[in-house]
Amino acid sequence: MDLQKYLENNYKFEEPILVEELKKELNMNPNTLRQYLKRATDSGMIVRYEKKKGIYYKPNPKAVFKSVLSLNDILKKKYLFDQSGNRMGYRSGLWLANALGLTVQNSPVFEISTNKEKTAVREVKFGESSVFLRKPRVPVNNSNYKLLQVFDLISKFQYYSEYSLEESLEILINYLKDTPLSKKEFNKCLQAYSYKVQTMVLRSGLRNEVSPEQAVL
């Protein structure tokens, strides 16, 4: 196996190279792979990500400043999308409330629900950055991740939003506008949450606005 050629053909500059991915893709002996990666690092072809083991990247030779790897890109590749580009996770918490304009506050930590996580909640450190990983209430996919984000937000709405749920309803509806929802999927997602969250969703009228004909309990 010519690892150099493989990396050249399959990875862009400053794209996270995950050792766990290489093991699956190449079916290579771990010791042999480790030696290949060391040689590639020593030659300057790839750079080891300093804040977390098992992550490398190809530095951009045309970069004016030192080539660096984005933590957001790492999190997307490790927890949010699988190798086929399908959704397997989503960000939530204060970050989502800020992104939707429901608060001006922002969080220094990352909150992620991902199919890769098997525990209720676990903290992972990337240097000084904290990432809290959670097992999702239902498996995440391309069609339900936004709905799960909104339900997570509603579950702690009073802590994240500077507005009431009623005042924020139009924003949530617009966010879910392009979400392909079926009756079965909507119900499955909602029923995975507490009675309190289900009641808040039903009383808000969100289900009828998002999918008036399909999402009927």
N, C-alpha and C. Protein backbone atom coordinates (compact mmCIF):
# COMPACT_ATOMS: atom_id res chain seq x y z
N MET A 1 0.84 -1.20 0.00
CA MET A 1 0.00 0.00 0.00
C MET A 1 0.87 1.25 0.00
N ASP A 2 0.66 2.12 -0.97
CA ASP A 2 1.38 3.39 -1.03
C ASP A 2 0.54 4.42 -0.28
N LEU A 3 0.85 4.60 1.00
CA LEU A 3 0.06 5.50 1.83
C LEU A 3 0.14 6.93 1.34
N GLN A 4 1.31 7.33 0.86
CA GLN A 4 1.48 8.70 0.38
C GLN A 4 0.52 9.00 -0.76
N LYS A 5 0.45 8.07 -1.71
CA LYS A 5 -0.45 8.27 -2.85
C LYS A 5 -1.91 8.25 -2.39
N TYR A 6 -2.21 7.38 -1.43
CA TYR A 6 -3.57 7.30 -0.92
C TYR A 6 -3.99 8.61 -0.27
N LEU A 7 -3.11 9.18 0.54
CA LEU A 7 -3.41 10.45 1.20
C LEU A 7 -3.53 11.58 0.19
N GLU A 8 -2.69 11.56 -0.82
CA GLU A 8 -2.73 12.59 -1.85
C GLU A 8 -4.05 12.55 -2.61
N ASN A 9 -4.54 11.35 -2.88
CA ASN A 9 -5.74 11.19 -3.71
C ASN A 9 -7.05 11.34 -2.93
N ASN A 10 -7.00 11.13 -1.62
CA ASN A 10 -8.24 11.06 -0.86
C ASN A 10 -8.45 12.17 0.17
N TYR A 11 -7.43 12.99 0.37
CA TYR A 11 -7.56 14.04 1.38
C TYR A 11 -7.10 15.38 0.83
N LYS A 12 -7.88 16.42 1.13
CA LYS A 12 -7.52 17.78 0.73
C LYS A 12 -6.58 18.37 1.77
N PHE A 13 -5.99 19.51 1.44
CA PHE A 13 -5.17 20.21 2.41
C PHE A 13 -6.04 20.65 3.59
N GLU A 14 -5.48 20.52 4.79
CA GLU A 14 -6.15 20.95 6.03
C GLU A 14 -7.47 20.22 6.27
N GLU A 15 -7.59 19.02 5.74
CA GLU A 15 -8.74 18.16 6.04
C GLU A 15 -8.31 17.15 7.09
N PRO A 16 -9.10 16.95 8.14
CA PRO A 16 -8.72 16.00 9.19
C PRO A 16 -8.52 14.58 8.63
N ILE A 17 -7.41 13.99 9.00
CA ILE A 17 -7.12 12.60 8.67
C ILE A 17 -7.21 11.82 9.97
N LEU A 18 -8.21 11.00 10.11
CA LEU A 18 -8.44 10.27 11.35
C LEU A 18 -7.84 8.88 11.25
N VAL A 19 -7.01 8.52 12.22
CA VAL A 19 -6.38 7.20 12.22
C VAL A 19 -7.45 6.11 12.26
N GLU A 20 -8.52 6.33 13.02
CA GLU A 20 -9.60 5.33 13.11
C GLU A 20 -10.23 5.07 11.74
N GLU A 21 -10.30 6.11 10.91
CA GLU A 21 -10.82 5.96 9.55
C GLU A 21 -9.86 5.18 8.69
N LEU A 22 -8.57 5.52 8.78
CA LEU A 22 -7.57 4.83 7.97
C LEU A 22 -7.53 3.34 8.28
N LYS A 23 -7.69 2.99 9.53
CA LYS A 23 -7.68 1.57 9.91
C LYS A 23 -8.80 0.81 9.21
N LYS A 24 -9.98 1.44 9.13
CA LYS A 24 -11.11 0.80 8.48
C LYS A 24 -10.93 0.74 6.97
N GLU A 25 -10.45 1.85 6.40
CA GLU A 25 -10.35 1.95 4.95
C GLU A 25 -9.24 1.07 4.38
N LEU A 26 -8.11 1.01 5.08
CA LEU A 26 -6.94 0.34 4.53
C LEU A 26 -6.77 -1.10 5.01
N ASN A 27 -7.47 -1.46 6.10
CA ASN A 27 -7.35 -2.81 6.66
C ASN A 27 -5.88 -3.18 6.84
N MET A 28 -5.14 -2.27 7.44
CA MET A 28 -3.70 -2.41 7.58
C MET A 28 -3.34 -2.74 9.03
N ASN A 29 -2.27 -3.50 9.21
CA ASN A 29 -1.77 -3.79 10.54
C ASN A 29 -1.49 -2.47 11.27
N PRO A 30 -1.97 -2.31 12.51
CA PRO A 30 -1.80 -1.05 13.25
C PRO A 30 -0.35 -0.60 13.35
N ASN A 31 0.57 -1.53 13.57
CA ASN A 31 1.99 -1.17 13.67
C ASN A 31 2.53 -0.66 12.34
N THR A 32 2.11 -1.32 11.27
CA THR A 32 2.55 -0.89 9.93
C THR A 32 2.01 0.50 9.62
N LEU A 33 0.74 0.72 9.94
CA LEU A 33 0.14 2.03 9.71
C LEU A 33 0.85 3.10 10.53
N ARG A 34 1.18 2.78 11.76
CA ARG A 34 1.88 3.74 12.63
C ARG A 34 3.23 4.13 12.02
N GLN A 35 3.93 3.16 11.47
CA GLN A 35 5.23 3.44 10.84
C GLN A 35 5.06 4.31 9.60
N TYR A 36 4.06 4.02 8.80
CA TYR A 36 3.77 4.83 7.61
C TYR A 36 3.49 6.28 8.00
N LEU A 37 2.66 6.45 9.02
CA LEU A 37 2.30 7.80 9.46
C LEU A 37 3.51 8.55 10.02
N LYS A 38 4.38 7.83 10.72
CA LYS A 38 5.59 8.48 11.25
C LYS A 38 6.48 8.96 10.11
N ARG A 39 6.64 8.12 9.09
CA ARG A 39 7.48 8.52 7.95
C ARG A 39 6.86 9.71 7.22
N ALA A 40 5.53 9.67 7.06
CA ALA A 40 4.85 10.78 6.37
C ALA A 40 4.96 12.07 7.19
N THR A 41 4.94 11.93 8.51
CA THR A 41 5.09 13.10 9.39
C THR A 41 6.52 13.64 9.34
N ASP A 42 7.49 12.73 9.40
CA ASP A 42 8.90 13.14 9.37
C ASP A 42 9.25 13.84 8.06
N SER A 43 8.60 13.42 6.97
CA SER A 43 8.89 14.01 5.66
C SER A 43 8.19 15.36 5.48
N GLY A 44 7.23 15.67 6.37
CA GLY A 44 6.50 16.92 6.27
C GLY A 44 5.26 16.84 5.39
N MET A 45 4.95 15.63 4.91
CA MET A 45 3.77 15.49 4.06
C MET A 45 2.49 15.71 4.87
N ILE A 46 2.49 15.20 6.10
CA ILE A 46 1.36 15.41 6.99
C ILE A 46 1.86 15.98 8.32
N VAL A 47 0.94 16.57 9.06
CA VAL A 47 1.27 17.16 10.36
C VAL A 47 0.36 16.53 11.42
N ARG A 48 0.95 16.23 12.56
CA ARG A 48 0.16 15.67 13.66
C ARG A 48 -0.60 16.79 14.38
N TYR A 49 -1.88 16.59 14.59
CA TYR A 49 -2.69 17.57 15.33
C TYR A 49 -2.27 17.52 16.78
N GLU A 50 -1.82 18.64 17.31
CA GLU A 50 -1.19 18.67 18.62
C GLU A 50 -2.16 18.49 19.78
N LYS A 51 -3.43 18.80 19.58
CA LYS A 51 -4.36 18.82 20.71
C LYS A 51 -5.09 17.50 20.97
N LYS A 52 -4.89 16.51 20.08
CA LYS A 52 -5.58 15.24 20.25
C LYS A 52 -4.85 14.16 19.46
N LYS A 53 -4.66 13.01 20.08
CA LYS A 53 -3.99 11.90 19.40
C LYS A 53 -4.88 11.33 18.30
N GLY A 54 -4.24 10.72 17.31
CA GLY A 54 -4.98 10.02 16.26
C GLY A 54 -5.52 10.90 15.16
N ILE A 55 -5.04 12.14 15.08
CA ILE A 55 -5.52 13.07 14.05
C ILE A 55 -4.33 13.73 13.35
N TYR A 56 -4.37 13.74 12.02
CA TYR A 56 -3.33 14.36 11.21
C TYR A 56 -3.99 15.23 10.14
N TYR A 57 -3.18 15.96 9.39
CA TYR A 57 -3.69 16.71 8.25
C TYR A 57 -2.55 17.06 7.31
N LYS A 58 -2.91 17.33 6.06
CA LYS A 58 -1.92 17.77 5.07
C LYS A 58 -1.84 19.29 5.11
N PRO A 59 -0.67 19.84 5.42
CA PRO A 59 -0.55 21.30 5.47
C PRO A 59 -0.66 21.91 4.08
N ASN A 60 -1.24 23.07 4.00
CA ASN A 60 -1.38 23.77 2.72
C ASN A 60 -0.07 24.48 2.39
N PRO A 61 0.62 24.07 1.34
CA PRO A 61 1.92 24.68 1.01
C PRO A 61 1.80 26.13 0.57
N LYS A 62 0.59 26.56 0.19
CA LYS A 62 0.41 27.94 -0.29
C LYS A 62 -0.08 28.87 0.82
N ALA A 63 -0.25 28.34 2.02
CA ALA A 63 -0.73 29.17 3.13
C ALA A 63 0.30 30.23 3.50
N VAL A 64 -0.16 31.46 3.67
CA VAL A 64 0.74 32.56 4.05
C VAL A 64 1.24 32.36 5.47
N PHE A 65 0.33 31.96 6.37
CA PHE A 65 0.71 31.68 7.75
C PHE A 65 0.76 30.17 7.95
N LYS A 66 1.15 29.76 9.12
CA LYS A 66 1.26 28.33 9.42
C LYS A 66 -0.08 27.64 9.22
N SER A 67 -0.06 26.55 8.49
CA SER A 67 -1.29 25.80 8.21
C SER A 67 -1.80 25.16 9.50
N VAL A 68 -3.08 25.35 9.78
CA VAL A 68 -3.67 24.80 11.00
C VAL A 68 -4.94 24.02 10.67
N LEU A 69 -5.34 23.21 11.62
CA LEU A 69 -6.54 22.40 11.45
C LEU A 69 -7.67 22.97 12.30
N SER A 70 -8.83 23.13 11.69
CA SER A 70 -9.99 23.69 12.39
C SER A 70 -10.65 22.64 13.28
N LEU A 71 -10.93 23.01 14.53
CA LEU A 71 -11.63 22.10 15.44
C LEU A 71 -13.02 21.79 14.91
N ASN A 72 -13.67 22.77 14.31
CA ASN A 72 -15.00 22.53 13.73
C ASN A 72 -14.95 21.44 12.67
N ASP A 73 -13.91 21.46 11.84
CA ASP A 73 -13.76 20.44 10.80
C ASP A 73 -13.55 19.06 11.41
N ILE A 74 -12.78 19.01 12.49
CA ILE A 74 -12.54 17.73 13.17
C ILE A 74 -13.84 17.18 13.74
N LEU A 75 -14.60 18.03 14.40
CA LEU A 75 -15.85 17.58 15.01
C LEU A 75 -16.86 17.12 13.97
N LYS A 76 -16.91 17.82 12.84
CA LYS A 76 -17.80 17.41 11.76
C LYS A 76 -17.46 16.00 11.29
N LYS A 77 -16.17 15.76 11.13
CA LYS A 77 -15.75 14.48 10.57
C LYS A 77 -15.85 13.34 11.59
N LYS A 78 -15.56 13.64 12.85
CA LYS A 78 -15.58 12.59 13.87
C LYS A 78 -16.99 12.26 14.36
N TYR A 79 -17.85 13.29 14.45
CA TYR A 79 -19.12 13.09 15.14
C TYR A 79 -20.38 13.47 14.37
N LEU A 80 -20.27 14.33 13.36
CA LEU A 80 -21.48 14.83 12.71
C LEU A 80 -21.83 14.15 11.39
N PHE A 81 -20.83 13.72 10.63
CA PHE A 81 -21.07 13.09 9.33
C PHE A 81 -20.26 11.81 9.21
N ASP A 82 -20.86 10.78 8.60
CA ASP A 82 -20.10 9.56 8.36
C ASP A 82 -19.28 9.69 7.09
N GLN A 83 -18.59 8.63 6.70
CA GLN A 83 -17.69 8.70 5.55
C GLN A 83 -18.42 8.87 4.23
N SER A 84 -19.73 8.60 4.23
CA SER A 84 -20.53 8.79 3.02
C SER A 84 -21.18 10.17 2.98
N GLY A 85 -20.92 10.97 4.00
CA GLY A 85 -21.49 12.31 4.04
C GLY A 85 -22.88 12.38 4.65
N ASN A 86 -23.33 11.28 5.24
CA ASN A 86 -24.66 11.26 5.87
C ASN A 86 -24.58 11.72 7.32
N ARG A 87 -25.63 12.36 7.76
CA ARG A 87 -25.70 12.85 9.13
C ARG A 87 -25.68 11.71 10.14
N MET A 88 -24.84 11.87 11.18
CA MET A 88 -24.86 10.93 12.29
C MET A 88 -24.84 11.68 13.63
N GLY A 89 -24.89 13.02 13.56
CA GLY A 89 -24.88 13.80 14.79
C GLY A 89 -25.26 15.25 14.54
N TYR A 90 -25.40 16.00 15.62
CA TYR A 90 -25.76 17.42 15.49
C TYR A 90 -25.28 18.18 16.72
N ARG A 91 -25.09 19.48 16.55
CA ARG A 91 -24.75 20.36 17.65
C ARG A 91 -26.02 20.90 18.29
N SER A 92 -25.95 21.18 19.57
CA SER A 92 -27.14 21.67 20.27
C SER A 92 -26.73 22.65 21.36
N GLY A 93 -27.61 22.86 22.33
CA GLY A 93 -27.31 23.74 23.45
C GLY A 93 -27.35 25.21 23.10
N LEU A 94 -26.54 25.97 23.82
CA LEU A 94 -26.52 27.42 23.66
C LEU A 94 -26.08 27.83 22.26
N TRP A 95 -25.24 27.00 21.64
CA TRP A 95 -24.79 27.29 20.27
C TRP A 95 -25.98 27.42 19.33
N LEU A 96 -26.93 26.49 19.41
CA LEU A 96 -28.09 26.51 18.51
C LEU A 96 -28.96 27.73 18.79
N ALA A 97 -29.19 28.02 20.06
CA ALA A 97 -30.00 29.20 20.41
C ALA A 97 -29.37 30.47 19.85
N ASN A 98 -28.06 30.56 19.91
CA ASN A 98 -27.35 31.72 19.37
C ASN A 98 -27.46 31.76 17.85
N ALA A 99 -27.29 30.60 17.21
CA ALA A 99 -27.36 30.53 15.75
C ALA A 99 -28.74 30.92 15.23
N LEU A 100 -29.78 30.65 16.01
CA LEU A 100 -31.15 30.98 15.61
C LEU A 100 -31.55 32.40 16.02
N GLY A 101 -30.66 33.09 16.71
CA GLY A 101 -30.95 34.46 17.12
C GLY A 101 -31.83 34.56 18.35
N LEU A 102 -31.87 33.49 19.15
CA LEU A 102 -32.70 33.49 20.35
C LEU A 102 -31.96 34.01 21.58
N THR A 103 -30.66 34.18 21.45
CA THR A 103 -29.85 34.73 22.53
C THR A 103 -28.57 35.32 21.94
N VAL A 104 -28.00 36.28 22.64
CA VAL A 104 -26.72 36.84 22.21
C VAL A 104 -25.57 36.13 22.91
N GLN A 105 -25.90 35.27 23.86
CA GLN A 105 -24.87 34.52 24.57
C GLN A 105 -24.31 33.42 23.68
N ASN A 106 -23.07 33.07 23.94
CA ASN A 106 -22.47 31.94 23.24
C ASN A 106 -21.75 31.08 24.24
N SER A 107 -21.53 29.84 23.88
CA SER A 107 -20.95 28.90 24.83
C SER A 107 -19.51 28.56 24.45
N PRO A 108 -18.62 28.49 25.43
CA PRO A 108 -17.23 28.10 25.14
C PRO A 108 -17.07 26.60 24.93
N VAL A 109 -18.13 25.84 25.20
CA VAL A 109 -18.07 24.39 25.04
C VAL A 109 -18.91 23.95 23.85
N PHE A 110 -18.62 22.76 23.36
CA PHE A 110 -19.36 22.17 22.25
C PHE A 110 -20.26 21.07 22.82
N GLU A 111 -21.54 21.11 22.46
CA GLU A 111 -22.48 20.06 22.85
C GLU A 111 -22.92 19.32 21.59
N ILE A 112 -22.65 18.03 21.56
CA ILE A 112 -22.92 17.24 20.36
C ILE A 112 -23.63 15.94 20.72
N SER A 113 -24.71 15.64 20.03
CA SER A 113 -25.36 14.34 20.11
C SER A 113 -24.97 13.57 18.86
N THR A 114 -24.48 12.36 19.04
CA THR A 114 -23.98 11.60 17.89
C THR A 114 -24.24 10.11 18.04
N ASN A 115 -24.49 9.45 16.93
CA ASN A 115 -24.71 8.01 16.94
C ASN A 115 -23.48 7.24 17.41
N LYS A 116 -22.32 7.87 17.38
CA LYS A 116 -21.09 7.20 17.79
C LYS A 116 -20.97 7.10 19.31
N GLU A 117 -21.76 7.89 20.03
CA GLU A 117 -21.65 7.90 21.49
C GLU A 117 -22.62 6.91 22.11
N LYS A 118 -22.13 6.12 23.06
CA LYS A 118 -22.96 5.09 23.70
C LYS A 118 -23.33 5.43 25.13
N THR A 119 -22.78 6.52 25.66
CA THR A 119 -23.09 6.91 27.04
C THR A 119 -24.02 8.13 27.04
N ALA A 120 -24.66 8.36 28.19
CA ALA A 120 -25.61 9.48 28.29
C ALA A 120 -24.91 10.80 28.02
N VAL A 121 -23.75 11.00 28.63
CA VAL A 121 -22.97 12.21 28.38
C VAL A 121 -21.52 11.94 28.77
N ARG A 122 -20.60 12.51 27.99
CA ARG A 122 -19.17 12.30 28.25
C ARG A 122 -18.40 13.51 27.74
N GLU A 123 -17.45 13.96 28.53
CA GLU A 123 -16.63 15.11 28.12
C GLU A 123 -15.35 14.63 27.46
N VAL A 124 -15.02 15.23 26.32
CA VAL A 124 -13.78 14.95 25.61
C VAL A 124 -13.05 16.27 25.43
N LYS A 125 -11.75 16.27 25.70
CA LYS A 125 -10.97 17.50 25.60
C LYS A 125 -10.17 17.53 24.30
N PHE A 126 -10.19 18.68 23.65
CA PHE A 126 -9.33 18.95 22.51
C PHE A 126 -8.49 20.17 22.90
N GLY A 127 -7.35 19.91 23.53
CA GLY A 127 -6.58 21.01 24.09
C GLY A 127 -7.37 21.64 25.22
N GLU A 128 -7.63 22.94 25.12
CA GLU A 128 -8.40 23.66 26.14
C GLU A 128 -9.90 23.62 25.87
N SER A 129 -10.29 23.09 24.73
CA SER A 129 -11.72 23.07 24.35
C SER A 129 -12.41 21.82 24.89
N SER A 130 -13.59 22.01 25.45
CA SER A 130 -14.39 20.90 25.98
C SER A 130 -15.50 20.55 25.00
N VAL A 131 -15.64 19.27 24.74
CA VAL A 131 -16.71 18.77 23.88
C VAL A 131 -17.52 17.76 24.70
N PHE A 132 -18.82 18.03 24.86
CA PHE A 132 -19.70 17.11 25.58
C PHE A 132 -20.47 16.28 24.57
N LEU A 133 -20.20 14.99 24.59
CA LEU A 133 -20.84 14.06 23.67
C LEU A 133 -22.02 13.38 24.35
N ARG A 134 -23.11 13.25 23.62
CA ARG A 134 -24.30 12.60 24.16
C ARG A 134 -24.83 11.55 23.18
N LYS A 135 -25.39 10.51 23.75
CA LYS A 135 -26.11 9.53 22.94
C LYS A 135 -27.46 10.13 22.58
N PRO A 136 -27.83 10.18 21.30
CA PRO A 136 -29.12 10.78 20.92
C PRO A 136 -30.29 9.91 21.38
N ARG A 137 -31.43 10.54 21.55
CA ARG A 137 -32.62 9.81 22.02
C ARG A 137 -33.10 8.82 20.97
N VAL A 138 -32.95 9.16 19.70
CA VAL A 138 -33.20 8.24 18.59
C VAL A 138 -32.03 8.39 17.63
N PRO A 139 -31.74 7.37 16.82
CA PRO A 139 -30.63 7.47 15.87
C PRO A 139 -30.79 8.68 14.95
N VAL A 140 -29.70 9.41 14.77
CA VAL A 140 -29.72 10.63 13.95
C VAL A 140 -29.56 10.29 12.48
N ASN A 141 -30.32 10.96 11.62
CA ASN A 141 -30.16 10.79 10.18
C ASN A 141 -30.38 12.13 9.48
N ASN A 142 -30.29 12.12 8.16
CA ASN A 142 -30.40 13.36 7.38
C ASN A 142 -31.74 14.07 7.56
N SER A 143 -32.79 13.31 7.79
CA SER A 143 -34.12 13.92 7.82
C SER A 143 -34.57 14.35 9.21
N ASN A 144 -33.99 13.77 10.27
CA ASN A 144 -34.52 14.09 11.60
C ASN A 144 -33.61 14.96 12.47
N TYR A 145 -32.39 15.25 12.01
CA TYR A 145 -31.45 15.92 12.92
C TYR A 145 -31.92 17.31 13.35
N LYS A 146 -32.55 18.06 12.45
CA LYS A 146 -33.02 19.39 12.83
C LYS A 146 -34.17 19.30 13.84
N LEU A 147 -35.03 18.34 13.65
CA LEU A 147 -36.14 18.15 14.57
C LEU A 147 -35.62 17.81 15.97
N LEU A 148 -34.62 16.93 16.03
CA LEU A 148 -34.02 16.57 17.31
C LEU A 148 -33.33 17.78 17.95
N GLN A 149 -32.69 18.60 17.13
CA GLN A 149 -32.08 19.82 17.65
C GLN A 149 -33.13 20.71 18.32
N VAL A 150 -34.25 20.88 17.65
CA VAL A 150 -35.31 21.75 18.18
C VAL A 150 -35.91 21.16 19.45
N PHE A 151 -36.14 19.85 19.47
CA PHE A 151 -36.69 19.22 20.68
C PHE A 151 -35.71 19.34 21.85
N ASP A 152 -34.42 19.18 21.58
CA ASP A 152 -33.41 19.38 22.63
C ASP A 152 -33.46 20.81 23.16
N LEU A 153 -33.59 21.75 22.23
CA LEU A 153 -33.65 23.16 22.61
C LEU A 153 -34.88 23.44 23.48
N ILE A 154 -36.02 22.89 23.07
CA ILE A 154 -37.26 23.11 23.82
C ILE A 154 -37.16 22.50 25.22
N SER A 155 -36.42 21.41 25.36
CA SER A 155 -36.31 20.75 26.66
C SER A 155 -35.64 21.63 27.71
N LYS A 156 -34.84 22.61 27.26
CA LYS A 156 -34.18 23.54 28.20
C LYS A 156 -34.35 24.98 27.71
N PHE A 157 -35.52 25.25 27.17
CA PHE A 157 -35.75 26.52 26.50
C PHE A 157 -35.55 27.72 27.42
N GLN A 158 -35.98 27.60 28.66
CA GLN A 158 -35.89 28.73 29.59
C GLN A 158 -34.45 29.08 29.92
N TYR A 159 -33.53 28.13 29.73
CA TYR A 159 -32.11 28.38 30.02
C TYR A 159 -31.37 28.95 28.81
N TYR A 160 -31.84 28.60 27.61
CA TYR A 160 -31.11 28.96 26.40
C TYR A 160 -31.64 30.21 25.70
N SER A 161 -32.94 30.43 25.76
CA SER A 161 -33.56 31.50 24.97
C SER A 161 -33.89 32.73 25.80
N GLU A 162 -33.73 33.89 25.20
CA GLU A 162 -34.11 35.14 25.86
C GLU A 162 -35.56 35.50 25.55
N TYR A 163 -36.22 34.64 24.78
CA TYR A 163 -37.62 34.87 24.40
C TYR A 163 -38.45 33.67 24.82
N SER A 164 -39.75 33.85 24.88
CA SER A 164 -40.63 32.73 25.21
C SER A 164 -40.74 31.81 24.00
N LEU A 165 -41.24 30.60 24.24
CA LEU A 165 -41.42 29.66 23.14
C LEU A 165 -42.43 30.20 22.13
N GLU A 166 -43.46 30.84 22.62
CA GLU A 166 -44.48 31.42 21.74
C GLU A 166 -43.86 32.49 20.84
N GLU A 167 -43.00 33.33 21.41
CA GLU A 167 -42.35 34.39 20.63
C GLU A 167 -41.35 33.83 19.63
N SER A 168 -40.84 32.63 19.91
CA SER A 168 -39.78 32.04 19.08
C SER A 168 -40.31 31.06 18.04
N LEU A 169 -41.62 30.81 18.07
CA LEU A 169 -42.20 29.76 17.24
C LEU A 169 -41.91 29.94 15.76
N GLU A 170 -42.04 31.15 15.26
CA GLU A 170 -41.82 31.41 13.83
C GLU A 170 -40.38 31.08 13.43
N ILE A 171 -39.43 31.39 14.30
CA ILE A 171 -38.03 31.09 14.02
C ILE A 171 -37.83 29.58 13.92
N LEU A 172 -38.42 28.83 14.84
CA LEU A 172 -38.29 27.37 14.83
C LEU A 172 -38.95 26.77 13.60
N ILE A 173 -40.09 27.31 13.22
CA ILE A 173 -40.80 26.82 12.03
C ILE A 173 -39.95 27.03 10.78
N ASN A 174 -39.38 28.22 10.66
CA ASN A 174 -38.52 28.51 9.50
C ASN A 174 -37.31 27.60 9.46
N TYR A 175 -36.75 27.30 10.63
CA TYR A 175 -35.59 26.42 10.69
C TYR A 175 -35.92 25.01 10.22
N LEU A 176 -37.15 24.57 10.50
CA LEU A 176 -37.56 23.22 10.14
C LEU A 176 -38.24 23.14 8.77
N LYS A 177 -38.31 24.27 8.08
CA LYS A 177 -39.07 24.36 6.83
C LYS A 177 -38.63 23.34 5.78
N ASP A 178 -37.33 23.12 5.67
CA ASP A 178 -36.82 22.22 4.64
C ASP A 178 -36.58 20.80 5.16
N THR A 179 -37.15 20.50 6.33
CA THR A 179 -36.97 19.17 6.92
C THR A 179 -38.06 18.22 6.43
N PRO A 180 -37.67 17.14 5.75
CA PRO A 180 -38.67 16.18 5.24
C PRO A 180 -39.21 15.31 6.36
N LEU A 181 -40.36 15.65 6.88
CA LEU A 181 -40.92 14.94 8.02
C LEU A 181 -42.08 14.04 7.61
N SER A 182 -42.11 12.86 8.17
CA SER A 182 -43.26 11.97 8.00
C SER A 182 -43.94 11.84 9.36
N LYS A 183 -45.17 11.40 9.34
CA LYS A 183 -45.90 11.20 10.59
C LYS A 183 -45.15 10.25 11.51
N LYS A 184 -44.66 9.17 10.94
CA LYS A 184 -43.97 8.16 11.74
C LYS A 184 -42.71 8.72 12.38
N GLU A 185 -41.92 9.45 11.61
CA GLU A 185 -40.65 9.97 12.12
C GLU A 185 -40.88 11.07 13.16
N PHE A 186 -41.82 11.96 12.88
CA PHE A 186 -42.13 13.02 13.85
C PHE A 186 -42.55 12.41 15.18
N ASN A 187 -43.45 11.44 15.13
CA ASN A 187 -43.94 10.81 16.35
C ASN A 187 -42.84 10.07 17.10
N LYS A 188 -42.01 9.37 16.34
CA LYS A 188 -40.92 8.61 16.95
C LYS A 188 -39.97 9.53 17.70
N CYS A 189 -39.64 10.65 17.09
CA CYS A 189 -38.73 11.60 17.72
C CYS A 189 -39.36 12.23 18.96
N LEU A 190 -40.59 12.69 18.83
CA LEU A 190 -41.25 13.38 19.94
C LEU A 190 -41.46 12.45 21.13
N GLN A 191 -41.84 11.21 20.87
CA GLN A 191 -42.14 10.28 21.96
C GLN A 191 -40.89 9.83 22.71
N ALA A 192 -39.72 10.14 22.17
CA ALA A 192 -38.47 9.82 22.87
C ALA A 192 -38.15 10.83 23.96
N TYR A 193 -38.91 11.92 23.99
CA TYR A 193 -38.67 12.98 24.98
C TYR A 193 -39.67 12.87 26.14
N SER A 194 -39.41 13.66 27.16
CA SER A 194 -40.25 13.62 28.36
C SER A 194 -41.66 14.12 28.07
N TYR A 195 -42.55 13.79 28.99
CA TYR A 195 -43.94 14.24 28.86
C TYR A 195 -43.99 15.76 28.82
N LYS A 196 -43.13 16.41 29.59
CA LYS A 196 -43.09 17.87 29.63
C LYS A 196 -42.76 18.45 28.26
N VAL A 197 -41.76 17.88 27.59
CA VAL A 197 -41.37 18.38 26.26
C VAL A 197 -42.48 18.10 25.26
N GLN A 198 -43.07 16.91 25.32
CA GLN A 198 -44.16 16.59 24.41
C GLN A 198 -45.31 17.58 24.57
N THR A 199 -45.63 17.90 25.81
CA THR A 199 -46.72 18.85 26.07
C THR A 199 -46.39 20.23 25.53
N MET A 200 -45.15 20.67 25.73
CA MET A 200 -44.73 21.99 25.24
C MET A 200 -44.84 22.06 23.72
N VAL A 201 -44.41 20.99 23.05
CA VAL A 201 -44.47 20.95 21.58
C VAL A 201 -45.91 20.98 21.10
N LEU A 202 -46.76 20.17 21.71
CA LEU A 202 -48.15 20.08 21.28
C LEU A 202 -48.90 21.39 21.53
N ARG A 203 -48.65 21.99 22.68
CA ARG A 203 -49.34 23.25 23.00
C ARG A 203 -48.85 24.41 22.14
N SER A 204 -47.61 24.33 21.70
CA SER A 204 -47.06 25.42 20.87
C SER A 204 -47.67 25.44 19.48
N GLY A 205 -48.17 24.27 19.03
CA GLY A 205 -48.70 24.17 17.67
C GLY A 205 -47.62 23.92 16.64
N LEU A 206 -46.41 23.65 17.10
CA LEU A 206 -45.28 23.46 16.19
C LEU A 206 -45.50 22.31 15.21
N ARG A 207 -46.05 21.22 15.70
CA ARG A 207 -46.22 20.05 14.82
C ARG A 207 -47.15 20.35 13.65
N ASN A 208 -48.20 21.12 13.90
CA ASN A 208 -49.15 21.43 12.83
C ASN A 208 -48.56 22.39 11.81
N GLU A 209 -47.69 23.28 12.26
CA GLU A 209 -47.06 24.24 11.35
C GLU A 209 -45.99 23.57 10.50
N VAL A 210 -45.26 22.64 11.11
CA VAL A 210 -44.16 21.98 10.41
C VAL A 210 -44.67 20.94 9.42
N SER A 211 -45.61 20.13 9.86
CA SER A 211 -46.14 19.07 9.01
C SER A 211 -47.62 18.89 9.32
N PRO A 212 -48.46 19.79 8.85
CA PRO A 212 -49.87 19.81 9.24
C PRO A 212 -50.66 18.56 8.92
N GLU A 213 -50.34 17.88 7.83
CA GLU A 213 -51.12 16.71 7.46
C GLU A 213 -50.52 15.43 8.01
N GLN A 214 -49.18 15.42 8.16
CA GLN A 214 -48.52 14.17 8.51
C GLN A 214 -48.32 13.99 10.01
N ALA A 215 -47.90 15.06 10.70
CA ALA A 215 -47.49 14.92 12.09
C ALA A 215 -48.69 15.01 13.03
N VAL A 216 -49.50 13.99 13.02
CA VAL A 216 -50.68 13.97 13.88
C VAL A 216 -50.56 12.79 14.83
N LEU A 217 -50.55 13.06 16.13
CA LEU A 217 -50.40 11.99 17.11
C LEU A 217 -51.74 11.29 17.34
